[in-house]
């Protein structure tokens, strides 16, 4: 992991990771249940635009020249206090 909680003018990045020569921008969504949809479904068009804007700002500030990918981590709370998780790589393709 490179960083966490990067706040830009038009968005926020939950996690910034490196995978080989790529930067991975990770959005983490947590829900108590799937009653209103999965956590990944909560990442809509507005959030995608905000992530792209924040990633562009991070690229400039960090001087990153390589490719940027995206991932969404969805967490659903369990009654025992734990979480069930799902990682979706390249969710916007």
PDB file of N, CA and C in Angstrom:
ATOM      1  N   UNK A   1       0.847  -1.171   0.000  1.00  0.00           N
ATOM      2  CA  UNK A   1       0.000   0.000   0.000  1.00  0.00           C
ATOM      3  C   UNK A   1       0.893   1.235   0.000  1.00  0.00           C
ATOM      4  N   UNK A   2       0.507   2.206  -0.803  1.00  0.00           N
ATOM      5  CA  UNK A   2       1.244   3.463  -0.907  1.00  0.00           C
ATOM      6  C   UNK A   2       0.675   4.499   0.052  1.00  0.00           C
ATOM      7  N   UNK A   3      -0.650   4.559   0.159  1.00  0.00           N
ATOM      8  CA  UNK A   3      -1.266   5.549   1.031  1.00  0.00           C
ATOM      9  C   UNK A   3      -2.735   5.272   1.239  1.00  0.00           C
ATOM     10  N   UNK A   4      -3.325   6.063   2.129  1.00  0.00           N
ATOM     11  CA  UNK A   4      -4.745   5.910   2.429  1.00  0.00           C
ATOM     12  C   UNK A   4      -5.328   7.266   2.779  1.00  0.00           C
ATOM     13  N   UNK A   5      -6.597   7.458   2.422  1.00  0.00           N
ATOM     14  CA  UNK A   5      -7.296   8.673   2.813  1.00  0.00           C
ATOM     15  C   UNK A   5      -6.800   9.928   2.122  1.00  0.00           C
ATOM     16  N   UNK A   6      -6.468   9.830   0.822  1.00  0.00           N
ATOM     17  CA  UNK A   6      -6.034  11.009   0.071  1.00  0.00           C
ATOM     18  C   UNK A   6      -7.253  11.850  -0.289  1.00  0.00           C
ATOM     19  N   UNK A   7      -7.280  13.089   0.163  1.00  0.00           N
ATOM     20  CA  UNK A   7      -8.390  13.994  -0.140  1.00  0.00           C
ATOM     21  C   UNK A   7      -7.951  14.992  -1.195  1.00  0.00           C
ATOM     22  N   UNK A   8      -8.674  15.002  -2.291  1.00  0.00           N
ATOM     23  CA  UNK A   8      -8.417  15.933  -3.387  1.00  0.00           C
ATOM     24  C   UNK A   8      -9.530  16.975  -3.412  1.00  0.00           C
ATOM     25  N   UNK A   9      -9.409  17.920  -4.303  1.00  0.00           N
ATOM     26  CA  UNK A   9     -10.438  18.964  -4.405  1.00  0.00           C
ATOM     27  C   UNK A   9     -11.807  18.411  -4.762  1.00  0.00           C
ATOM     28  N   UNK A  10     -11.838  17.401  -5.634  1.00  0.00           N
ATOM     29  CA  UNK A  10     -13.132  16.904  -6.120  1.00  0.00           C
ATOM     30  C   UNK A  10     -13.388  15.442  -5.791  1.00  0.00           C
ATOM     31  N   UNK A  11     -12.703  14.915  -4.799  1.00  0.00           N
ATOM     32  CA  UNK A  11     -12.943  13.524  -4.453  1.00  0.00           C
ATOM     33  C   UNK A  11     -11.960  13.033  -3.412  1.00  0.00           C
ATOM     34  N   UNK A  12     -12.162  11.812  -3.004  1.00  0.00           N
ATOM     35  CA  UNK A  12     -11.294  11.198  -2.002  1.00  0.00           C
ATOM     36  C   UNK A  12     -10.938   9.794  -2.459  1.00  0.00           C
ATOM     37  N   UNK A  13      -9.708   9.391  -2.175  1.00  0.00           N
ATOM     38  CA  UNK A  13      -9.258   8.040  -2.492  1.00  0.00           C
ATOM     39  C   UNK A  13      -9.075   7.301  -1.176  1.00  0.00           C
ATOM     40  N   UNK A  14      -9.749   6.157  -1.045  1.00  0.00           N
ATOM     41  CA  UNK A  14      -9.649   5.383   0.193  1.00  0.00           C
ATOM     42  C   UNK A  14      -8.271   4.749   0.344  1.00  0.00           C
ATOM     43  N   UNK A  15      -7.828   4.024  -0.688  1.00  0.00           N
ATOM     44  CA  UNK A  15      -6.521   3.366  -0.659  1.00  0.00           C
ATOM     45  C   UNK A  15      -5.797   3.578  -1.976  1.00  0.00           C
ATOM     46  N   UNK A  16      -4.488   3.763  -1.886  1.00  0.00           N
ATOM     47  CA  UNK A  16      -3.641   3.863  -3.067  1.00  0.00           C
ATOM     48  C   UNK A  16      -2.609   2.755  -2.939  1.00  0.00           C
ATOM     49  N   UNK A  17      -2.598   1.849  -3.911  1.00  0.00           N
ATOM     50  CA  UNK A  17      -1.702   0.690  -3.855  1.00  0.00           C
ATOM     51  C   UNK A  17      -0.873   0.616  -5.135  1.00  0.00           C
ATOM     52  N   UNK A  18       0.211  -0.148  -5.062  1.00  0.00           N
ATOM     53  CA  UNK A  18       1.007  -0.437  -6.252  1.00  0.00           C
ATOM     54  C   UNK A  18       0.943  -1.916  -6.522  1.00  0.00           C
ATOM     55  N   UNK A  19       0.809  -2.224  -7.773  1.00  0.00           N
ATOM     56  CA  UNK A  19       0.826  -3.621  -8.218  1.00  0.00           C
ATOM     57  C   UNK A  19       1.748  -3.670  -9.419  1.00  0.00           C
ATOM     58  N   UNK A  20       2.968  -4.079  -9.164  1.00  0.00           N
ATOM     59  CA  UNK A  20       3.965  -4.050 -10.227  1.00  0.00           C
ATOM     60  C   UNK A  20       4.216  -2.599 -10.630  1.00  0.00           C
ATOM     61  N   UNK A  21       4.093  -2.312 -11.894  1.00  0.00           N
ATOM     62  CA  UNK A  21       4.304  -0.958 -12.397  1.00  0.00           C
ATOM     63  C   UNK A  21       3.036  -0.137 -12.498  1.00  0.00           C
ATOM     64  N   UNK A  22       1.969  -0.584 -11.842  1.00  0.00           N
ATOM     65  CA  UNK A  22       0.690   0.115 -11.913  1.00  0.00           C
ATOM     66  C   UNK A  22       0.302   0.678 -10.554  1.00  0.00           C
ATOM     67  N   UNK A  23      -0.390   1.788 -10.593  1.00  0.00           N
ATOM     68  CA  UNK A  23      -0.987   2.357  -9.392  1.00  0.00           C
ATOM     69  C   UNK A  23      -2.440   1.895  -9.370  1.00  0.00           C
ATOM     70  N   UNK A  24      -2.920   1.426  -8.228  1.00  0.00           N
ATOM     71  CA  UNK A  24      -4.305   0.958  -8.124  1.00  0.00           C
ATOM     72  C   UNK A  24      -5.031   1.845  -7.123  1.00  0.00           C
ATOM     73  N   UNK A  25      -6.076   2.509  -7.600  1.00  0.00           N
ATOM     74  CA  UNK A  25      -6.927   3.354  -6.781  1.00  0.00           C
ATOM     75  C   UNK A  25      -8.073   2.479  -6.282  1.00  0.00           C
ATOM     76  N   UNK A  26      -8.202   2.366  -4.958  1.00  0.00           N
ATOM     77  CA  UNK A  26      -9.172   1.431  -4.377  1.00  0.00           C
ATOM     78  C   UNK A  26     -10.264   2.208  -3.635  1.00  0.00           C
ATOM     79  N   UNK A  27     -11.493   1.928  -3.995  1.00  0.00           N
ATOM     80  CA  UNK A  27     -12.659   2.465  -3.299  1.00  0.00           C
ATOM     81  C   UNK A  27     -13.188   1.372  -2.386  1.00  0.00           C
ATOM     82  N   UNK A  28     -13.344   1.680  -1.106  1.00  0.00           N
ATOM     83  CA  UNK A  28     -13.849   0.708  -0.136  1.00  0.00           C
ATOM     84  C   UNK A  28     -15.269   1.104   0.254  1.00  0.00           C
ATOM     85  N   UNK A  29     -16.201   0.183   0.085  1.00  0.00           N
ATOM     86  CA  UNK A  29     -17.598   0.411   0.456  1.00  0.00           C
ATOM     87  C   UNK A  29     -18.021  -0.640   1.469  1.00  0.00           C
ATOM     88  N   UNK A  30     -18.613  -0.185   2.555  1.00  0.00           N
ATOM     89  CA  UNK A  30     -19.064  -1.078   3.616  1.00  0.00           C
ATOM     90  C   UNK A  30     -20.571  -0.931   3.795  1.00  0.00           C
ATOM     91  N   UNK A  31     -21.248  -2.041   3.962  1.00  0.00           N
ATOM     92  CA  UNK A  31     -22.682  -2.053   4.195  1.00  0.00           C
ATOM     93  C   UNK A  31     -22.993  -3.036   5.314  1.00  0.00           C
ATOM     94  N   UNK A  32     -24.071  -2.777   6.023  1.00  0.00           N
ATOM     95  CA  UNK A  32     -24.497  -3.711   7.068  1.00  0.00           C
ATOM     96  C   UNK A  32     -25.279  -4.877   6.489  1.00  0.00           C
ATOM     97  N   UNK A  33     -25.878  -4.666   5.315  1.00  0.00           N
ATOM     98  CA  UNK A  33     -26.602  -5.747   4.646  1.00  0.00           C
ATOM     99  C   UNK A  33     -26.696  -5.390   3.163  1.00  0.00           C
ATOM    100  N   UNK A  34     -27.231  -6.332   2.397  1.00  0.00           N
ATOM    101  CA  UNK A  34     -27.426  -6.080   0.971  1.00  0.00           C
ATOM    102  C   UNK A  34     -28.867  -5.694   0.662  1.00  0.00           C
ATOM    103  N   UNK A  35     -29.587  -5.227   1.656  1.00  0.00           N
ATOM    104  CA  UNK A  35     -30.994  -4.872   1.489  1.00  0.00           C
ATOM    105  C   UNK A  35     -31.198  -3.812   0.408  1.00  0.00           C
ATOM    106  N   UNK A  36     -30.246  -2.927   0.265  1.00  0.00           N
ATOM    107  CA  UNK A  36     -30.359  -1.861  -0.737  1.00  0.00           C
ATOM    108  C   UNK A  36     -29.325  -2.017  -1.839  1.00  0.00           C
ATOM    109  N   UNK A  37     -28.848  -3.229  -2.049  1.00  0.00           N
ATOM    110  CA  UNK A  37     -27.859  -3.497  -3.080  1.00  0.00           C
ATOM    111  C   UNK A  37     -26.505  -3.805  -2.479  1.00  0.00           C
ATOM    112  N   UNK A  38     -25.614  -4.276  -3.324  1.00  0.00           N
ATOM    113  CA  UNK A  38     -24.272  -4.621  -2.876  1.00  0.00           C
ATOM    114  C   UNK A  38     -23.449  -3.347  -2.687  1.00  0.00           C
ATOM    115  N   UNK A  39     -22.377  -3.426  -1.926  1.00  0.00           N
ATOM    116  CA  UNK A  39     -21.517  -2.249  -1.776  1.00  0.00           C
ATOM    117  C   UNK A  39     -20.976  -1.751  -3.119  1.00  0.00           C
ATOM    118  N   UNK A  40     -20.609  -2.672  -3.992  1.00  0.00           N
ATOM    119  CA  UNK A  40     -20.063  -2.274  -5.294  1.00  0.00           C
ATOM    120  C   UNK A  40     -21.091  -1.513  -6.131  1.00  0.00           C
ATOM    121  N   UNK A  41     -22.365  -1.857  -5.974  1.00  0.00           N
ATOM    122  CA  UNK A  41     -23.419  -1.159  -6.725  1.00  0.00           C
ATOM    123  C   UNK A  41     -23.556   0.290  -6.276  1.00  0.00           C
ATOM    124  N   UNK A  42     -23.030   0.616  -5.094  1.00  0.00           N
ATOM    125  CA  UNK A  42     -23.098   1.986  -4.585  1.00  0.00           C
ATOM    126  C   UNK A  42     -22.069   2.897  -5.241  1.00  0.00           C
ATOM    127  N   UNK A  43     -21.172   2.328  -6.041  1.00  0.00           N
ATOM    128  CA  UNK A  43     -20.171   3.126  -6.750  1.00  0.00           C
ATOM    129  C   UNK A  43     -20.734   3.446  -8.130  1.00  0.00           C
ATOM    130  N   UNK A  44     -21.440   4.550  -8.195  1.00  0.00           N
ATOM    131  CA  UNK A  44     -22.104   4.950  -9.430  1.00  0.00           C
ATOM    132  C   UNK A  44     -21.277   5.921 -10.258  1.00  0.00           C
ATOM    133  N   UNK A  45     -21.917   6.526 -11.224  1.00  0.00           N
ATOM    134  CA  UNK A  45     -21.255   7.432 -12.161  1.00  0.00           C
ATOM    135  C   UNK A  45     -20.617   8.623 -11.456  1.00  0.00           C
ATOM    136  N   UNK A  46     -21.331   9.212 -10.521  1.00  0.00           N
ATOM    137  CA  UNK A  46     -20.790  10.380  -9.809  1.00  0.00           C
ATOM    138  C   UNK A  46     -19.515  10.021  -9.047  1.00  0.00           C
ATOM    139  N   UNK A  47     -19.538   8.870  -8.368  1.00  0.00           N
ATOM    140  CA  UNK A  47     -18.369   8.439  -7.602  1.00  0.00           C
ATOM    141  C   UNK A  47     -17.211   8.106  -8.530  1.00  0.00           C
ATOM    142  N   UNK A  48     -17.504   7.496  -9.673  1.00  0.00           N
ATOM    143  CA  UNK A  48     -16.444   7.174 -10.644  1.00  0.00           C
ATOM    144  C   UNK A  48     -15.772   8.437 -11.147  1.00  0.00           C
ATOM    145  N   UNK A  49     -16.558   9.466 -11.426  1.00  0.00           N
ATOM    146  CA  UNK A  49     -15.971  10.743 -11.871  1.00  0.00           C
ATOM    147  C   UNK A  49     -15.109  11.366 -10.777  1.00  0.00           C
ATOM    148  N   UNK A  50     -15.597  11.301  -9.531  1.00  0.00           N
ATOM    149  CA  UNK A  50     -14.832  11.851  -8.409  1.00  0.00           C
ATOM    150  C   UNK A  50     -13.526  11.084  -8.214  1.00  0.00           C
ATOM    151  N   UNK A  51     -13.559   9.756  -8.363  1.00  0.00           N
ATOM    152  CA  UNK A  51     -12.342   8.960  -8.243  1.00  0.00           C
ATOM    153  C   UNK A  51     -11.350   9.306  -9.350  1.00  0.00           C
ATOM    154  N   UNK A  52     -11.844   9.463 -10.567  1.00  0.00           N
ATOM    155  CA  UNK A  52     -10.961   9.800 -11.682  1.00  0.00           C
ATOM    156  C   UNK A  52     -10.327  11.172 -11.467  1.00  0.00           C
ATOM    157  N   UNK A  53     -11.098  12.128 -10.977  1.00  0.00           N
ATOM    158  CA  UNK A  53     -10.559  13.467 -10.709  1.00  0.00           C
ATOM    159  C   UNK A  53      -9.521  13.419  -9.592  1.00  0.00           C
ATOM    160  N   UNK A  54      -9.802  12.668  -8.536  1.00  0.00           N
ATOM    161  CA  UNK A  54      -8.856  12.545  -7.426  1.00  0.00           C
ATOM    162  C   UNK A  54      -7.584  11.828  -7.891  1.00  0.00           C
ATOM    163  N   UNK A  55      -7.742  10.812  -8.735  1.00  0.00           N
ATOM    164  CA  UNK A  55      -6.579  10.084  -9.252  1.00  0.00           C
ATOM    165  C   UNK A  55      -5.717  11.000 -10.119  1.00  0.00           C
ATOM    166  N   UNK A  56      -6.356  11.843 -10.928  1.00  0.00           N
ATOM    167  CA  UNK A  56      -5.603  12.784 -11.758  1.00  0.00           C
ATOM    168  C   UNK A  56      -4.825  13.774 -10.894  1.00  0.00           C
ATOM    169  N   UNK A  57      -5.457  14.245  -9.830  1.00  0.00           N
ATOM    170  CA  UNK A  57      -4.774  15.171  -8.921  1.00  0.00           C
ATOM    171  C   UNK A  57      -3.618  14.469  -8.211  1.00  0.00           C
ATOM    172  N   UNK A  58      -3.839  13.240  -7.771  1.00  0.00           N
ATOM    173  CA  UNK A  58      -2.779  12.486  -7.118  1.00  0.00           C
ATOM    174  C   UNK A  58      -1.610  12.270  -8.083  1.00  0.00           C
ATOM    175  N   UNK A  59      -1.928  11.929  -9.338  1.00  0.00           N
ATOM    176  CA  UNK A  59      -0.892  11.715 -10.359  1.00  0.00           C
ATOM    177  C   UNK A  59       0.001  12.938 -10.474  1.00  0.00           C
ATOM    178  N   UNK A  60      -0.598  14.111 -10.519  1.00  0.00           N
ATOM    179  CA  UNK A  60       0.186  15.342 -10.632  1.00  0.00           C
ATOM    180  C   UNK A  60       1.035  15.590  -9.395  1.00  0.00           C
ATOM    181  N   UNK A  61       0.441  15.461  -8.226  1.00  0.00           N
ATOM    182  CA  UNK A  61       1.165  15.733  -6.984  1.00  0.00           C
ATOM    183  C   UNK A  61       2.289  14.736  -6.732  1.00  0.00           C
ATOM    184  N   UNK A  62       2.058  13.464  -7.084  1.00  0.00           N
ATOM    185  CA  UNK A  62       3.059  12.423  -6.832  1.00  0.00           C
ATOM    186  C   UNK A  62       4.043  12.276  -7.985  1.00  0.00           C
ATOM    187  N   UNK A  63       3.751  12.905  -9.118  1.00  0.00           N
ATOM    188  CA  UNK A  63       4.610  12.756 -10.288  1.00  0.00           C
ATOM    189  C   UNK A  63       4.541  11.367 -10.908  1.00  0.00           C
ATOM    190  N   UNK A  64       3.407  10.695 -10.729  1.00  0.00           N
ATOM    191  CA  UNK A  64       3.240   9.336 -11.252  1.00  0.00           C
ATOM    192  C   UNK A  64       3.083   9.370 -12.756  1.00  0.00           C
ATOM    193  N   UNK A  65       3.893   8.584 -13.458  1.00  0.00           N
ATOM    194  CA  UNK A  65       3.858   8.550 -14.928  1.00  0.00           C
ATOM    195  C   UNK A  65       3.279   7.255 -15.481  1.00  0.00           C
ATOM    196  N   UNK A  66       3.124   6.254 -14.631  1.00  0.00           N
ATOM    197  CA  UNK A  66       2.652   4.951 -15.092  1.00  0.00           C
ATOM    198  C   UNK A  66       1.140   4.860 -15.177  1.00  0.00           C
ATOM    199  N   UNK A  67       0.659   3.673 -15.532  1.00  0.00           N
ATOM    200  CA  UNK A  67      -0.781   3.468 -15.659  1.00  0.00           C
ATOM    201  C   UNK A  67      -1.476   3.451 -14.293  1.00  0.00           C
ATOM    202  N   UNK A  68      -2.753   3.801 -14.327  1.00  0.00           N
ATOM    203  CA  UNK A  68      -3.592   3.779 -13.134  1.00  0.00           C
ATOM    204  C   UNK A  68      -4.773   2.850 -13.396  1.00  0.00           C
ATOM    205  N   UNK A  69      -5.012   1.954 -12.446  1.00  0.00           N
ATOM    206  CA  UNK A  69      -6.165   1.062 -12.504  1.00  0.00           C
ATOM    207  C   UNK A  69      -7.039   1.345 -11.294  1.00  0.00           C
ATOM    208  N   UNK A  70      -8.224   0.768 -11.307  1.00  0.00           N
ATOM    209  CA  UNK A  70      -9.172   0.961 -10.209  1.00  0.00           C
ATOM    210  C   UNK A  70      -9.634  -0.387  -9.681  1.00  0.00           C
ATOM    211  N   UNK A  71     -10.027  -0.394  -8.419  1.00  0.00           N
ATOM    212  CA  UNK A  71     -10.616  -1.587  -7.798  1.00  0.00           C
ATOM    213  C   UNK A  71     -11.638  -1.119  -6.768  1.00  0.00           C
ATOM    214  N   UNK A  72     -12.629  -1.959  -6.532  1.00  0.00           N
ATOM    215  CA  UNK A  72     -13.623  -1.696  -5.498  1.00  0.00           C
ATOM    216  C   UNK A  72     -13.586  -2.869  -4.527  1.00  0.00           C
ATOM    217  N   UNK A  73     -13.496  -2.558  -3.242  1.00  0.00           N
ATOM    218  CA  UNK A  73     -13.585  -3.568  -2.195  1.00  0.00           C
ATOM    219  C   UNK A  73     -14.939  -3.371  -1.524  1.00  0.00           C
ATOM    220  N   UNK A  74     -15.773  -4.390  -1.587  1.00  0.00           N
ATOM    221  CA  UNK A  74     -17.092  -4.348  -0.957  1.00  0.00           C
ATOM    222  C   UNK A  74     -17.096  -5.214   0.289  1.00  0.00           C
ATOM    223  N   UNK A  75     -17.531  -4.641   1.393  1.00  0.00           N
ATOM    224  CA  UNK A  75     -17.586  -5.365   2.664  1.00  0.00           C
ATOM    225  C   UNK A  75     -19.014  -5.369   3.198  1.00  0.00           C
ATOM    226  N   UNK A  76     -19.492  -6.549   3.596  1.00  0.00           N
ATOM    227  CA  UNK A  76     -20.815  -6.701   4.197  1.00  0.00           C
ATOM    228  C   UNK A  76     -20.611  -7.194   5.621  1.00  0.00           C
ATOM    229  N   UNK A  77     -21.161  -6.462   6.580  1.00  0.00           N
ATOM    230  CA  UNK A  77     -21.028  -6.845   7.985  1.00  0.00           C
ATOM    231  C   UNK A  77     -21.801  -8.118   8.298  1.00  0.00           C
ATOM    232  N   UNK A  78     -21.195  -8.972   9.110  1.00  0.00           N
ATOM    233  CA  UNK A  78     -21.851 -10.197   9.573  1.00  0.00           C
ATOM    234  C   UNK A  78     -22.333 -10.003  11.007  1.00  0.00           C
ATOM    235  N   UNK A  79     -23.307 -10.774  11.439  1.00  0.00           N
ATOM    236  CA  UNK A  79     -23.808 -10.653  12.818  1.00  0.00           C
ATOM    237  C   UNK A  79     -22.731 -10.891  13.886  1.00  0.00           C
ATOM    238  N   UNK A  80     -21.698 -11.679  13.546  1.00  0.00           N
ATOM    239  CA  UNK A  80     -20.646 -11.964  14.527  1.00  0.00           C
ATOM    240  C   UNK A  80     -19.614 -10.842  14.632  1.00  0.00           C
ATOM    241  N   UNK A  81     -19.826  -9.757  13.873  1.00  0.00           N
ATOM    242  CA  UNK A  81     -18.907  -8.622  13.924  1.00  0.00           C
ATOM    243  C   UNK A  81     -17.846  -8.645  12.845  1.00  0.00           C
ATOM    244  N   UNK A  82     -17.742  -9.734  12.114  1.00  0.00           N
ATOM    245  CA  UNK A  82     -16.780  -9.833  11.022  1.00  0.00           C
ATOM    246  C   UNK A  82     -17.360  -9.282   9.732  1.00  0.00           C
ATOM    247  N   UNK A  83     -16.651  -9.500   8.654  1.00  0.00           N
ATOM    248  CA  UNK A  83     -17.083  -9.004   7.353  1.00  0.00           C
ATOM    249  C   UNK A  83     -16.901 -10.081   6.293  1.00  0.00           C
ATOM    250  N   UNK A  84     -17.781 -10.076   5.309  1.00  0.00           N
ATOM    251  CA  UNK A  84     -17.596 -10.829   4.073  1.00  0.00           C
ATOM    252  C   UNK A  84     -17.162  -9.810   3.039  1.00  0.00           C
ATOM    253  N   UNK A  85     -16.118 -10.136   2.292  1.00  0.00           N
ATOM    254  CA  UNK A  85     -15.583  -9.161   1.354  1.00  0.00           C
ATOM    255  C   UNK A  85     -15.512  -9.661  -0.068  1.00  0.00           C
ATOM    256  N   UNK A  86     -15.474  -8.700  -0.965  1.00  0.00           N
ATOM    257  CA  UNK A  86     -15.363  -8.969  -2.393  1.00  0.00           C
ATOM    258  C   UNK A  86     -14.469  -7.898  -2.996  1.00  0.00           C
ATOM    259  N   UNK A  87     -13.535  -8.319  -3.833  1.00  0.00           N
ATOM    260  CA  UNK A  87     -12.670  -7.371  -4.542  1.00  0.00           C
ATOM    261  C   UNK A  87     -13.034  -7.439  -6.014  1.00  0.00           C
ATOM    262  N   UNK A  88     -13.332  -6.275  -6.591  1.00  0.00           N
ATOM    263  CA  UNK A  88     -13.645  -6.208  -8.018  1.00  0.00           C
ATOM    264  C   UNK A  88     -12.560  -5.362  -8.666  1.00  0.00           C
ATOM    265  N   UNK A  89     -11.747  -6.002  -9.498  1.00  0.00           N
ATOM    266  CA  UNK A  89     -10.698  -5.291 -10.211  1.00  0.00           C
ATOM    267  C   UNK A  89     -11.261  -4.735 -11.512  1.00  0.00           C
ATOM    268  N   UNK A  90     -10.822  -3.556 -11.875  1.00  0.00           N
ATOM    269  CA  UNK A  90     -11.260  -2.882 -13.104  1.00  0.00           C
ATOM    270  C   UNK A  90     -12.785  -2.834 -13.213  1.00  0.00           C
ATOM    271  N   UNK A  91     -13.463  -2.311 -12.196  1.00  0.00           N
ATOM    272  CA  UNK A  91     -14.932  -2.335 -12.183  1.00  0.00           C
ATOM    273  C   UNK A  91     -15.582  -1.412 -13.205  1.00  0.00           C
ATOM    274  N   UNK A  92     -14.817  -0.508 -13.786  1.00  0.00           N
ATOM    275  CA  UNK A  92     -15.411   0.481 -14.680  1.00  0.00           C
ATOM    276  C   UNK A  92     -15.179   0.157 -16.148  1.00  0.00           C
ATOM    277  N   UNK A  93     -14.579  -0.995 -16.430  1.00  0.00           N
ATOM    278  CA  UNK A  93     -14.326  -1.376 -17.826  1.00  0.00           C
ATOM    279  C   UNK A  93     -15.524  -2.053 -18.434  1.00  0.00           C
TER     280      UNK A  93
END
